[in-house]
Protein backbone atom coordinates (compact mmCIF):
# COMPACT_ATOMS: atom_id res chain seq x y z
CA MET A 1 10.07 -21.19 18.68
CA ARG A 2 11.28 -18.81 21.41
CA ASN A 3 12.46 -16.04 19.09
CA LEU A 4 9.18 -15.59 17.13
CA VAL A 5 8.01 -11.99 17.52
CA GLN A 6 4.87 -12.08 15.34
CA HIS A 7 3.62 -13.43 11.99
CA GLY A 8 4.50 -10.21 10.15
CA LYS A 9 1.08 -9.44 8.70
CA SER A 10 0.81 -6.08 10.49
CA ILE A 11 2.95 -3.38 12.03
CA ASN A 12 1.97 -0.92 14.77
CA ILE A 13 2.65 2.74 14.05
CA THR A 14 2.13 5.88 16.15
CA LEU A 15 0.24 8.35 13.97
CA THR A 16 1.58 11.80 13.14
CA ALA A 17 -1.64 12.64 11.24
CA PRO A 18 -5.23 11.38 11.45
CA ILE A 19 -6.11 8.36 9.29
CA ASN A 20 -9.24 6.42 8.37
CA SER A 21 -9.63 2.67 8.39
CA GLY A 22 -8.68 1.32 4.96
CA ASP A 23 -6.40 4.23 4.04
CA ALA A 24 -2.92 3.39 2.80
CA LEU A 25 0.21 4.81 4.41
CA GLN A 26 3.85 4.74 3.45
CA ILE A 27 5.81 2.98 6.23
CA GLY A 28 9.47 3.20 5.30
CA ASP A 29 9.79 1.16 2.11
CA MET A 30 6.47 -0.65 2.68
CA LEU A 31 2.82 0.14 2.15
CA GLY A 32 0.39 -0.41 5.03
CA VAL A 33 -3.40 -0.24 5.26
CA ALA A 34 -4.92 1.17 8.46
CA SER A 35 -6.98 -1.36 10.42
CA VAL A 36 -9.00 1.31 12.29
CA ASP A 37 -9.55 5.07 12.34
CA GLY A 38 -6.88 6.90 14.32
CA ALA A 39 -5.98 10.37 15.58
CA ILE A 40 -2.57 11.98 16.01
CA GLY A 41 -0.67 10.08 18.71
CA ASP A 42 -2.73 6.87 18.43
CA ASN A 43 -0.74 3.67 17.98
CA ILE A 44 -2.64 1.50 15.50
CA ALA A 45 -2.03 -1.61 13.42
CA PHE A 46 -1.40 -1.38 9.69
CA ALA A 47 -1.77 -4.49 7.54
CA VAL A 48 1.34 -5.11 5.43
CA LYS A 49 0.22 -8.37 3.79
CA LYS A 50 -2.94 -9.65 2.05
CA VAL A 51 -4.93 -8.12 -0.82
CA TYR A 52 -6.67 -4.75 -0.53
CA ARG A 53 -8.66 -2.59 -2.95
CA LEU A 54 -6.94 0.78 -3.20
CA PRO A 55 -7.42 3.90 -5.30
CA LYS A 56 -5.28 4.17 -8.41
CA THR A 57 -4.41 6.87 -10.87
CA ALA A 58 -7.39 6.59 -13.23
CA ALA A 59 -5.36 7.12 -16.42
CA ASP A 60 -2.87 4.32 -15.68
CA VAL A 61 -3.26 0.91 -17.30
CA ILE A 62 -2.17 -1.88 -14.95
CA VAL A 63 -2.26 -5.58 -15.77
CA ALA A 64 -2.71 -8.41 -13.27
CA GLY A 65 0.61 -9.46 -11.79
CA ALA A 66 2.35 -6.14 -12.51
CA VAL A 67 4.48 -4.56 -9.81
CA VAL A 68 2.81 -1.36 -8.53
CA ASN A 69 4.05 1.69 -6.65
CA PHE A 70 2.54 3.89 -3.96
CA ASP A 71 2.49 7.46 -5.25
CA ALA A 72 3.11 9.54 -2.12
CA SER A 73 2.68 12.84 -4.01
CA ALA A 74 -0.62 12.14 -5.77
CA GLY A 75 -2.69 13.67 -2.98
CA ALA A 76 -5.08 10.76 -2.42
CA ALA A 77 -4.31 8.18 0.24
CA GLY A 78 -3.49 4.87 -1.38
CA GLU A 79 -2.86 6.27 -4.86
CA ILE A 80 -1.33 3.47 -6.97
CA THR A 81 0.69 4.00 -10.13
CA ILE A 82 2.42 1.63 -12.51
CA ALA A 83 6.18 1.05 -12.12
CA ALA A 84 7.03 3.16 -15.17
CA THR A 85 5.65 6.29 -13.47
CA ALA A 86 7.38 5.93 -10.10
CA ALA A 87 8.88 9.22 -8.90
CA ALA A 88 11.28 10.26 -6.16
CA GLY A 89 9.65 9.72 -2.76
CA ASP A 90 7.32 6.97 -3.95
CA VAL A 91 7.33 3.49 -2.42
CA THR A 92 8.49 1.41 -5.37
CA ASN A 93 7.54 -2.24 -5.70
CA CYS A 94 4.97 -2.02 -2.89
CA GLY A 95 2.94 -4.91 -4.24
CA ARG A 96 1.44 -6.63 -7.26
CA ALA A 97 -1.81 -6.03 -9.08
CA HIS A 98 -4.37 -8.79 -8.49
CA GLU A 99 -6.44 -7.79 -11.50
CA ASP A 100 -6.36 -5.79 -14.69
CA ALA A 101 -7.33 -2.13 -14.30
CA GLY A 102 -7.50 0.02 -17.42
CA ASN A 103 -7.75 3.69 -18.20
CA GLY A 104 -10.69 5.21 -16.31
CA VAL A 105 -10.72 2.58 -13.55
CA ALA A 106 -10.31 4.33 -10.19
CA SER A 107 -9.32 1.39 -7.95
CA ILE A 108 -7.39 -1.86 -8.05
CA ALA A 109 -6.89 -4.96 -5.88
CA VAL A 110 -3.26 -5.06 -4.72
CA SER A 111 -1.33 -7.79 -2.92
CA LEU A 112 0.69 -5.68 -0.47
CA ASN A 113 4.48 -5.73 -0.30
CA THR A 114 5.00 -8.55 -2.78
CA GLY A 115 6.85 -6.59 -5.46
CA ASP A 116 10.31 -7.56 -6.68
CA GLY A 117 12.68 -7.95 -3.77
CA LEU A 118 9.95 -7.96 -1.12
CA GLY A 119 8.61 -10.81 0.96
CA SER A 120 5.62 -12.81 -0.21
């Protein structure tokens, strides 16, 4: 097909702040995970598909299959909160939980950008 640009599993972004491989970043209305470490001005690939383990708000209870949100204000890169706690500035519906994660659990496996209204 002559008009295929790419398979859509990653997006290249020029960094405005340093980032570590595996950190999550809000990219418009999507969530991306850095493929490598990068410094300000570097253009690096961010995965926007697949399943990644990301930090979550420890007090939240998230069930497998639930839509999750990226909490941009939580202070920790990749902070995930349940849909009910989404706030202004958060990336809503950034993916779905791939496992249950109860109160006290600090991370969760998330299928990126597969929330309601997003591509699979």
